Amino acid sequence: MIRRLPIVALAAALSLSVASCSSSTTGTSNAPDAGVSEKAQQALDEIKGQVLSKGPNGETPSPASAADLTPEEIEKVKALGAKAAIVMHYGGNDWATAQVNGLKSEFEKLGIKVIATTDANFKPDKQVSDIETVMTQDPDIIVSIPTDPVATASAYKKAAEAGTKIVFMDNIPQGLTAGQDYVSVVSADNYGNGVVSAHQMAKALGGKGKIGLVFHQADFFVTKQRYEGFKETITKEYPEIQVVEEKGIAGPDFAGDAQAAANAMLSKYPDLSGIWAVWDVPAEGVMAAARAAGRQDLKIATEDLGKNVAIALAKDELIVGLGAQVPFDQGVTEARLAAGALIGKEAPAYVALSALPVDHSNVLEAWKQVYHEDAPKDIQDSYKQ
């Protein structure tokens, strides 16, 4: 026994030494890196005002100013007494409401009467029916966002052949040509929005951790751009952030589907640090899953400044940042492009407006920039100083 004591003592000492080294190494690898967070903030500062996306056919983006009309052109448009229809893919969020508000506001200034506003609830067959119904009213203009680029293509083609000037939001139907079948497509910088949310996630995590992605499982150009912008930025620039799970959601219950996807991720990966959601409504589902799991520490990044994610940003809870579109301004731009087409003015094939980085620090100012009005009282009252 006397001879064995030194051996046991030595083994114990070695065990403690190894445990100490292991603990130290693990702690270091999991700790947020302030330098990475600073790098991410610098990247966000540099992105402001830039457009990183290309158009659906690889077009170079033109600025919103390309749609501007002179006073003389506006008078020509007013003299036409034109009619316009707004054919939405989905009307159930703040983004769609702001787009429609921007369109209606500008059409009114241009003397163009809005004869219909439709909501297809993300159903292609419903949208085809909406287009056919709208066309019975002989609109001069249709502004629309296709639910599906293939299933809706023939309906848009018929409208174009009837002489209706079509301006698209974000996405274009398959087989249609700019300058021939439609005037232009106006979009946010959706790839840039994905890039913005990636840097915000990296900043919040200090460049380290496991994350999951909730993407839009559809042939939808702009949501693909967001996903690509986020994942490519995380993968290339933040190698210590590991994407461990990806789940697609097809809707129409995007919040519910995202909540189920996030529940599964959090159950499978108890050490999950963050989840990215493709826009604000799915992000609401991710927030619900985080709260149900008691994971108030979860970092959530997304796109689009909807009211519920704005409240979370104001409270500095769960949502760490997002890339916002400026949908009201997009609507104004679409209306101007359509009006210009009525008087024979040429338009660029693709117009894009830059992403707006939003976090807790600027959420109230960003709301005003996005919606052209002060943040609602409940967002203002939620703001944590």
Protein backbone atom coordinates (compact mmCIF):
# COMPACT_ATOMS: atom_id res chain seq x y z
CA MET A 1 0.00 0.00 0.00
CA ILE A 2 2.82 2.36 0.87
CA ARG A 3 4.48 1.69 -2.49
CA ARG A 4 1.17 2.38 -4.43
CA LEU A 5 0.36 5.74 -2.82
CA PRO A 6 2.73 7.83 -4.94
CA ILE A 7 1.32 6.23 -8.12
CA VAL A 8 -2.26 6.99 -7.10
CA ALA A 9 -1.29 10.51 -6.13
CA LEU A 10 0.47 11.01 -9.43
CA ALA A 11 -2.53 9.71 -11.39
CA ALA A 12 -4.84 12.03 -9.46
CA ALA A 13 -2.57 14.98 -10.11
CA LEU A 14 -2.43 14.16 -13.83
CA SER A 15 -6.21 13.79 -13.94
CA LEU A 16 -6.69 17.20 -12.32
CA SER A 17 -4.15 18.74 -14.67
CA VAL A 18 -5.89 17.32 -17.77
CA ALA A 19 -9.31 18.39 -16.48
CA SER A 20 -7.96 21.86 -15.83
CA CYS A 21 -6.54 22.10 -19.36
CA SER A 22 -9.74 20.74 -20.88
CA SER A 23 -11.86 23.20 -18.93
CA SER A 24 -9.62 26.08 -19.91
CA THR A 25 -9.66 25.12 -23.58
CA THR A 26 -13.44 24.69 -23.68
CA GLY A 27 -14.02 27.97 -21.92
CA THR A 28 -11.79 29.79 -24.35
CA SER A 29 -13.42 28.28 -27.45
CA ASN A 30 -16.95 29.05 -26.29
CA ALA A 31 -16.30 32.57 -25.10
CA PRO A 32 -17.49 35.36 -27.42
CA ASP A 33 -14.71 37.15 -29.27
CA ALA A 34 -14.99 40.92 -28.89
CA GLY A 35 -12.73 41.37 -31.89
CA VAL A 36 -15.13 39.41 -34.11
CA SER A 37 -18.05 41.47 -32.85
CA GLU A 38 -16.16 44.65 -33.77
CA LYS A 39 -15.40 43.21 -37.21
CA ALA A 40 -19.10 42.44 -37.72
CA GLN A 41 -20.12 45.98 -36.72
CA GLN A 42 -17.57 47.43 -39.12
CA ALA A 43 -19.03 45.29 -41.92
CA LEU A 44 -22.54 46.55 -41.07
CA ASP A 45 -21.35 50.15 -41.20
CA GLU A 46 -19.79 49.57 -44.63
CA ILE A 47 -22.93 47.95 -46.09
CA LYS A 48 -25.18 50.97 -45.50
CA GLY A 49 -26.36 52.46 -48.78
CA GLN A 50 -24.93 49.64 -50.92
CA VAL A 51 -26.91 47.18 -53.06
CA LEU A 52 -25.34 43.71 -53.18
CA SER A 53 -28.07 41.88 -55.13
CA LYS A 54 -28.39 41.22 -58.83
CA GLY A 55 -31.75 41.00 -60.57
CA PRO A 56 -33.67 37.76 -61.31
CA ASN A 57 -31.80 37.44 -64.62
CA GLY A 58 -28.50 38.75 -63.31
CA GLU A 59 -29.32 42.40 -64.01
CA THR A 60 -27.22 45.15 -62.47
CA PRO A 61 -29.43 47.17 -60.08
CA SER A 62 -30.55 50.70 -60.87
CA PRO A 63 -31.37 53.14 -58.05
CA ALA A 64 -34.90 54.24 -57.15
CA SER A 65 -34.13 57.65 -58.63
CA ALA A 66 -34.35 56.02 -62.09
CA ALA A 67 -38.13 56.08 -61.62
CA ASP A 68 -38.36 59.83 -60.91
CA LEU A 69 -40.78 61.87 -63.05
CA THR A 70 -40.49 65.51 -64.05
CA PRO A 71 -43.40 67.91 -63.34
CA GLU A 72 -44.23 67.85 -67.06
CA GLU A 73 -44.32 64.04 -67.11
CA ILE A 74 -46.57 63.99 -64.04
CA GLU A 75 -49.06 66.31 -65.78
CA LYS A 76 -49.11 64.00 -68.81
CA VAL A 77 -49.85 61.02 -66.56
CA LYS A 78 -52.63 62.87 -64.72
CA ALA A 79 -54.30 63.72 -68.02
CA LEU A 80 -54.71 60.01 -68.85
CA GLY A 81 -57.16 59.18 -66.03
CA ALA A 82 -55.50 55.79 -65.74
CA LYS A 83 -56.57 52.81 -63.59
CA ALA A 84 -54.32 50.48 -61.57
CA ALA A 85 -54.73 47.16 -59.76
CA ILE A 86 -52.50 45.83 -56.99
CA VAL A 87 -52.28 42.02 -57.03
CA MET A 88 -50.50 40.77 -53.90
CA HIS A 89 -49.15 37.31 -53.19
CA TYR A 90 -49.87 37.66 -49.48
CA GLY A 91 -51.27 40.50 -47.44
CA GLY A 92 -50.85 39.29 -43.91
CA ASN A 93 -47.85 41.30 -42.70
CA ASP A 94 -46.52 44.81 -42.17
CA TRP A 95 -44.36 44.61 -45.30
CA ALA A 96 -47.34 44.05 -47.59
CA THR A 97 -49.34 46.79 -45.88
CA ALA A 98 -46.49 49.27 -46.33
CA GLN A 99 -46.05 48.33 -50.01
CA VAL A 100 -49.76 48.89 -50.68
CA ASN A 101 -49.71 52.16 -48.73
CA GLY A 102 -46.74 53.43 -50.75
CA LEU A 103 -48.43 52.46 -54.02
CA LYS A 104 -51.77 54.04 -53.15
CA SER A 105 -50.15 57.21 -51.87
CA GLU A 106 -48.14 57.73 -55.06
CA PHE A 107 -50.93 56.67 -57.43
CA GLU A 108 -53.16 59.28 -55.82
CA LYS A 109 -50.52 61.97 -56.41
CA LEU A 110 -50.30 60.87 -60.04
CA GLY A 111 -54.05 60.94 -60.62
CA ILE A 112 -54.22 57.15 -61.09
CA LYS A 113 -57.25 55.36 -59.59
CA VAL A 114 -56.65 52.08 -57.74
CA ILE A 115 -59.56 49.85 -58.76
CA ALA A 116 -58.59 46.65 -56.90
CA THR A 117 -56.24 45.29 -54.24
CA THR A 118 -56.12 41.49 -53.96
CA ASP A 119 -54.52 38.97 -51.58
CA ALA A 120 -53.78 35.43 -52.82
CA ASN A 121 -52.68 34.14 -49.38
CA PHE A 122 -49.66 32.55 -51.09
CA LYS A 123 -51.88 30.33 -53.28
CA PRO A 124 -50.94 30.40 -56.99
CA ASP A 125 -54.37 29.29 -58.21
CA LYS A 126 -56.02 32.07 -56.19
CA GLN A 127 -53.62 34.62 -57.67
CA VAL A 128 -54.33 33.45 -61.23
CA SER A 129 -58.03 33.91 -60.50
CA ASP A 130 -57.32 37.36 -59.02
CA ILE A 131 -55.48 38.42 -62.19
CA GLU A 132 -58.29 37.18 -64.41
CA THR A 133 -60.90 38.98 -62.30
CA VAL A 134 -58.90 42.21 -62.26
CA MET A 135 -58.51 42.11 -66.05
CA THR A 136 -62.29 42.27 -66.49
CA GLN A 137 -62.00 45.85 -65.17
CA ASP A 138 -59.53 46.78 -67.94
CA PRO A 139 -56.69 48.19 -65.79
CA ASP A 140 -53.96 50.26 -67.43
CA ILE A 141 -51.49 49.11 -64.76
CA ILE A 142 -50.95 46.01 -62.64
CA VAL A 143 -48.40 46.04 -59.82
CA SER A 144 -47.89 42.55 -58.46
CA ILE A 145 -45.67 39.99 -56.79
CA PRO A 146 -46.07 36.43 -58.13
CA THR A 147 -46.75 33.63 -55.68
CA ASP A 148 -45.12 31.13 -58.03
CA PRO A 149 -43.04 32.09 -61.10
CA VAL A 150 -44.26 29.13 -63.15
CA ALA A 151 -47.90 28.65 -62.16
CA THR A 152 -48.81 32.32 -62.64
CA ALA A 153 -46.79 33.03 -65.79
CA SER A 154 -49.54 32.49 -68.37
CA ALA A 155 -51.97 34.77 -66.53
CA TYR A 156 -49.44 37.61 -66.45
CA LYS A 157 -48.55 36.97 -70.10
CA LYS A 158 -52.20 37.40 -71.11
CA ALA A 159 -52.44 40.65 -69.15
CA ALA A 160 -49.32 41.94 -70.90
CA GLU A 161 -50.67 40.97 -74.31
CA ALA A 162 -53.82 42.95 -73.52
CA GLY A 163 -51.66 46.06 -73.20
CA THR A 164 -51.56 46.35 -69.41
CA LYS A 165 -48.34 47.83 -68.03
CA ILE A 166 -47.00 45.45 -65.39
CA VAL A 167 -44.48 46.29 -62.67
CA PHE A 168 -43.35 43.45 -60.43
CA MET A 169 -42.28 43.46 -56.81
CA ASP A 170 -39.27 41.27 -56.00
CA ASN A 171 -40.01 38.33 -58.31
CA ILE A 172 -40.84 37.78 -62.01
CA PRO A 173 -42.79 35.01 -63.72
CA GLN A 174 -40.94 32.53 -65.87
CA GLY A 175 -40.62 33.39 -69.56
CA LEU A 176 -41.52 37.10 -69.33
CA THR A 177 -39.14 39.71 -70.71
CA ALA A 178 -38.44 43.18 -69.32
CA GLY A 179 -39.37 45.97 -71.70
CA GLN A 180 -41.65 43.64 -73.59
CA ASP A 181 -43.95 41.78 -71.18
CA TYR A 182 -43.36 43.93 -68.11
CA VAL A 183 -41.94 47.35 -67.29
CA SER A 184 -39.53 46.57 -64.46
CA VAL A 185 -39.08 44.68 -61.20
CA VAL A 186 -38.49 46.62 -57.97
CA SER A 187 -36.90 44.91 -55.00
CA ALA A 188 -35.15 45.37 -51.75
CA ASP A 189 -31.53 44.26 -51.67
CA ASN A 190 -32.50 40.82 -50.43
CA TYR A 191 -29.06 39.28 -50.73
CA GLY A 192 -27.80 42.31 -48.82
CA ASN A 193 -30.50 41.80 -46.18
CA GLY A 194 -29.21 38.26 -45.69
CA VAL A 195 -25.66 39.56 -45.38
CA VAL A 196 -26.78 42.16 -42.82
CA SER A 197 -28.52 39.56 -40.65
CA ALA A 198 -25.44 37.30 -40.81
CA HIS A 199 -23.17 40.04 -39.48
CA GLN A 200 -25.73 40.83 -36.77
CA MET A 201 -25.87 37.20 -35.70
CA ALA A 202 -22.06 37.01 -35.65
CA LYS A 203 -21.85 40.24 -33.65
CA ALA A 204 -24.31 38.92 -31.04
CA LEU A 205 -22.50 35.57 -30.77
CA GLY A 206 -19.01 36.99 -30.76
CA GLY A 207 -18.32 34.85 -33.82
CA LYS A 208 -18.82 31.47 -32.09
CA GLY A 209 -21.60 28.96 -31.58
CA LYS A 210 -24.07 26.55 -33.16
CA ILE A 211 -27.00 27.94 -35.12
CA GLY A 212 -30.04 26.73 -37.07
CA LEU A 213 -31.67 28.17 -40.18
CA VAL A 214 -35.39 28.41 -40.96
CA PHE A 215 -35.71 29.06 -44.70
CA HIS A 216 -38.58 29.49 -47.18
CA GLN A 217 -39.14 26.19 -48.97
CA ALA A 218 -40.37 27.61 -52.28
CA ASP A 219 -39.16 28.69 -55.71
CA PHE A 220 -39.13 32.31 -54.62
CA PHE A 221 -36.25 34.43 -55.87
CA VAL A 222 -35.97 36.96 -53.05
CA THR A 223 -36.22 34.54 -50.14
CA LYS A 224 -33.56 32.39 -51.82
CA GLN A 225 -31.37 35.50 -52.03
CA ARG A 226 -31.78 36.12 -48.29
CA TYR A 227 -30.86 32.55 -47.44
CA GLU A 228 -27.83 32.64 -49.74
CA GLY A 229 -26.68 36.01 -48.39
CA PHE A 230 -26.90 34.81 -44.80
CA LYS A 231 -25.37 31.37 -45.21
CA GLU A 232 -22.54 32.42 -47.52
CA THR A 233 -21.53 35.25 -45.18
CA ILE A 234 -21.61 33.07 -42.06
CA THR A 235 -19.70 30.25 -43.77
CA LYS A 236 -16.99 32.38 -45.37
CA GLU A 237 -16.44 35.04 -42.71
CA TYR A 238 -17.26 33.34 -39.41
CA PRO A 239 -15.81 29.80 -39.45
CA GLU A 240 -16.41 29.26 -35.73
CA ILE A 241 -20.17 29.63 -36.19
CA GLN A 242 -21.48 26.21 -37.15
CA VAL A 243 -24.78 25.73 -39.01
CA VAL A 244 -26.00 22.46 -37.49
CA GLU A 245 -29.59 22.30 -38.76
CA GLU A 246 -31.70 23.76 -41.58
CA LYS A 247 -35.47 23.44 -41.90
CA GLY A 248 -37.70 24.71 -44.69
CA ILE A 249 -41.22 26.05 -44.21
CA ALA A 250 -43.83 26.41 -46.97
CA GLY A 251 -46.73 28.12 -45.17
CA PRO A 252 -49.27 29.54 -45.23
CA ASP A 253 -48.95 29.29 -41.41
CA PHE A 254 -45.40 30.59 -41.45
CA ALA A 255 -45.27 31.45 -37.74
CA GLY A 256 -46.65 28.06 -36.71
CA ASP A 257 -44.39 26.15 -39.08
CA ALA A 258 -41.33 28.09 -37.90
CA GLN A 259 -42.24 27.45 -34.27
CA ALA A 260 -42.40 23.72 -34.94
CA ALA A 261 -39.06 23.85 -36.78
CA ALA A 262 -37.42 25.79 -33.94
CA ASN A 263 -38.88 23.44 -31.31
CA ALA A 264 -37.25 20.51 -33.10
CA MET A 265 -33.90 22.29 -33.33
CA LEU A 266 -33.87 23.31 -29.66
CA SER A 267 -34.79 19.77 -28.60
CA LYS A 268 -32.09 18.20 -30.77
CA TYR A 269 -29.39 20.74 -29.89
CA PRO A 270 -29.70 21.95 -26.27
CA ASP A 271 -26.52 24.00 -26.81
CA LEU A 272 -27.91 25.85 -29.84
CA SER A 273 -26.86 29.50 -29.66
CA GLY A 274 -28.98 31.09 -32.38
CA ILE A 275 -31.58 30.69 -35.12
CA TRP A 276 -31.97 32.68 -38.33
CA ALA A 277 -35.47 33.08 -39.79
CA VAL A 278 -36.14 34.17 -43.35
CA TRP A 279 -38.51 37.04 -42.43
CA ASP A 280 -40.28 38.51 -39.43
CA VAL A 281 -43.37 36.27 -39.35
CA PRO A 282 -41.33 33.04 -39.13
CA ALA A 283 -39.12 34.83 -36.59
CA GLU A 284 -42.23 35.29 -34.43
CA GLY A 285 -42.61 31.50 -34.42
CA VAL A 286 -38.96 31.09 -33.43
CA MET A 287 -39.47 33.55 -30.56
CA ALA A 288 -42.47 31.55 -29.36
CA ALA A 289 -40.40 28.35 -29.38
CA ALA A 290 -37.56 30.02 -27.48
CA ARG A 291 -39.93 31.29 -24.79
CA ALA A 292 -41.61 27.89 -24.45
CA ALA A 293 -38.19 26.26 -24.03
CA GLY A 294 -37.06 28.85 -21.48
CA ARG A 295 -34.35 30.00 -23.89
CA GLN A 296 -34.42 33.77 -23.46
CA ASP A 297 -30.69 33.66 -24.23
CA LEU A 298 -31.28 32.45 -27.81
CA LYS A 299 -30.04 34.87 -30.48
CA ILE A 300 -32.49 35.36 -33.37
CA ALA A 301 -31.69 37.26 -36.56
CA THR A 302 -34.12 37.88 -39.41
CA GLU A 303 -35.34 40.26 -42.13
CA ASP A 304 -38.21 42.79 -42.30
CA LEU A 305 -39.18 45.20 -39.55
CA GLY A 306 -42.60 43.88 -38.53
CA LYS A 307 -44.27 45.13 -35.40
CA ASN A 308 -43.72 42.08 -33.20
CA VAL A 309 -40.01 41.79 -33.95
CA ALA A 310 -39.72 45.56 -33.51
CA ILE A 311 -41.16 45.21 -29.99
CA ALA A 312 -38.63 42.46 -29.24
CA LEU A 313 -35.82 44.68 -30.51
CA ALA A 314 -37.11 47.57 -28.42
CA LYS A 315 -37.10 45.34 -25.33
CA ASP A 316 -33.66 43.99 -26.33
CA GLU A 317 -35.02 40.46 -26.09
CA LEU A 318 -34.36 37.47 -28.40
CA ILE A 319 -34.15 39.40 -31.68
CA VAL A 320 -30.57 40.67 -32.02
CA GLY A 321 -30.95 42.39 -35.37
CA LEU A 322 -32.43 42.31 -38.84
CA GLY A 323 -32.06 43.63 -42.34
CA ALA A 324 -35.05 45.84 -43.13
CA GLN A 325 -36.56 46.58 -46.47
CA VAL A 326 -38.14 49.96 -47.18
CA PRO A 327 -41.47 48.72 -48.61
CA PHE A 328 -43.26 52.08 -48.61
CA ASP A 329 -40.48 53.55 -50.77
CA GLN A 330 -40.55 50.46 -52.98
CA GLY A 331 -44.28 51.03 -53.54
CA VAL A 332 -43.65 54.65 -54.49
CA THR A 333 -40.96 53.56 -56.93
CA GLU A 334 -43.23 50.93 -58.51
CA ALA A 335 -46.02 53.46 -59.01
CA ARG A 336 -43.65 55.92 -60.69
CA LEU A 337 -42.22 53.28 -63.03
CA ALA A 338 -45.73 52.20 -64.06
CA ALA A 339 -46.81 55.80 -64.62
CA GLY A 340 -43.73 56.50 -66.72
CA ALA A 341 -44.48 53.47 -68.89
CA LEU A 342 -47.94 54.88 -69.67
CA ILE A 343 -46.31 57.87 -71.38
CA GLY A 344 -43.63 55.85 -73.14
CA LYS A 345 -40.77 56.43 -70.73
CA GLU A 346 -38.10 53.70 -70.75
CA ALA A 347 -37.37 51.94 -67.47
CA PRO A 348 -34.44 49.87 -66.20
CA ALA A 349 -35.16 46.15 -65.96
CA TYR A 350 -34.27 45.95 -62.26
CA VAL A 351 -34.42 48.57 -59.52
CA ALA A 352 -33.22 47.82 -55.98
CA LEU A 353 -33.22 49.73 -52.70
CA SER A 354 -30.47 49.09 -50.17
CA ALA A 355 -30.85 47.08 -46.97
CA LEU A 356 -31.31 48.93 -43.68
CA PRO A 357 -29.48 47.33 -40.70
CA VAL A 358 -31.69 47.48 -37.59
CA ASP A 359 -30.89 46.55 -34.00
CA HIS A 360 -31.94 47.70 -30.55
CA SER A 361 -30.05 50.97 -30.81
CA ASN A 362 -31.88 52.31 -33.88
CA VAL A 363 -35.22 50.47 -33.99
CA LEU A 364 -37.36 53.58 -33.37
CA GLU A 365 -35.59 55.64 -36.03
CA ALA A 366 -35.65 52.69 -38.45
CA TRP A 367 -39.42 52.29 -38.04
CA LYS A 368 -39.93 55.87 -39.18
CA GLN A 369 -37.62 55.35 -42.15
CA VAL A 370 -39.37 52.13 -43.20
CA TYR A 371 -43.00 53.18 -42.71
CA HIS A 372 -42.84 56.98 -43.01
CA GLU A 373 -44.49 57.41 -39.61
CA ASP A 374 -43.47 57.32 -35.96
CA ALA A 375 -43.23 53.94 -34.26
CA PRO A 376 -46.54 52.90 -32.62
CA LYS A 377 -46.90 53.70 -28.93
CA ASP A 378 -46.49 50.07 -27.83
CA ILE A 379 -43.09 49.89 -29.56
CA GLN A 380 -42.01 53.21 -28.07
CA ASP A 381 -43.23 52.17 -24.59
CA SER A 382 -41.32 48.87 -24.90
CA TYR A 383 -37.99 50.56 -25.54
CA LYS A 384 -35.40 49.58 -22.95
CA GLN A 385 -32.96 52.41 -22.26
